[in-house]
Structures are given as structure tokens and as C-alpha cells.
Protein backbone atom coordinates (compact mmCIF):
# COMPACT_ATOMS: atom_id res chain seq x y z
CA MET A 1 85.00 152.33 110.39
CA ILE A 2 86.58 150.51 107.76
CA TRP A 3 89.79 150.07 110.08
CA PRO A 4 88.41 147.09 112.14
CA PHE A 5 87.03 145.45 109.33
CA TYR A 6 90.32 145.53 107.22
CA LEU A 7 92.49 144.58 110.54
CA ALA A 8 90.11 141.44 111.06
CA ILE A 9 90.80 140.49 107.26
CA GLN A 10 94.19 140.80 107.96
CA LEU A 11 94.48 138.83 110.51
CA LEU A 12 92.46 136.11 108.87
CA ILE A 13 94.84 135.72 106.26
CA TYR A 14 97.45 135.65 108.27
CA ASN A 15 96.11 132.63 110.12
CA LEU A 16 95.35 131.27 107.31
CA VAL A 17 98.66 131.17 105.79
CA ARG A 18 99.78 129.69 109.28
CA ILE A 19 97.79 127.09 109.04
CA VAL A 20 98.93 126.21 105.63
CA LYS A 21 101.92 126.08 106.55
CA LEU A 22 101.70 123.59 109.28
CA VAL A 23 99.44 121.24 107.16
CA HIS A 24 102.17 121.30 104.63
CA SER A 25 105.00 120.99 106.81
CA ILE A 26 102.62 117.72 108.13
CA ILE A 27 102.02 116.52 104.67
CA ARG A 28 106.26 116.47 103.45
CA SER A 29 106.72 114.50 107.29
CA ILE A 30 104.57 111.57 106.34
């Protein structure tokens, strides 16, 4: 029962890292 919850958190962290990298690259280009 805990597996889907763990998978959702892992996916959320992965997406958060992608967003942070994207924002960082945008800030650097300005």
C-alpha cells in the first residue's frame, strides 16, 4: 500500500529538480 505513495513522492522530487534547473538556466541567461 505504501508503494504508490513512495512513487508519487519520487516523481514529485524529480519534477521539482527539473523545474529548479530550468529556472536556474533562465536566471543565468538574463
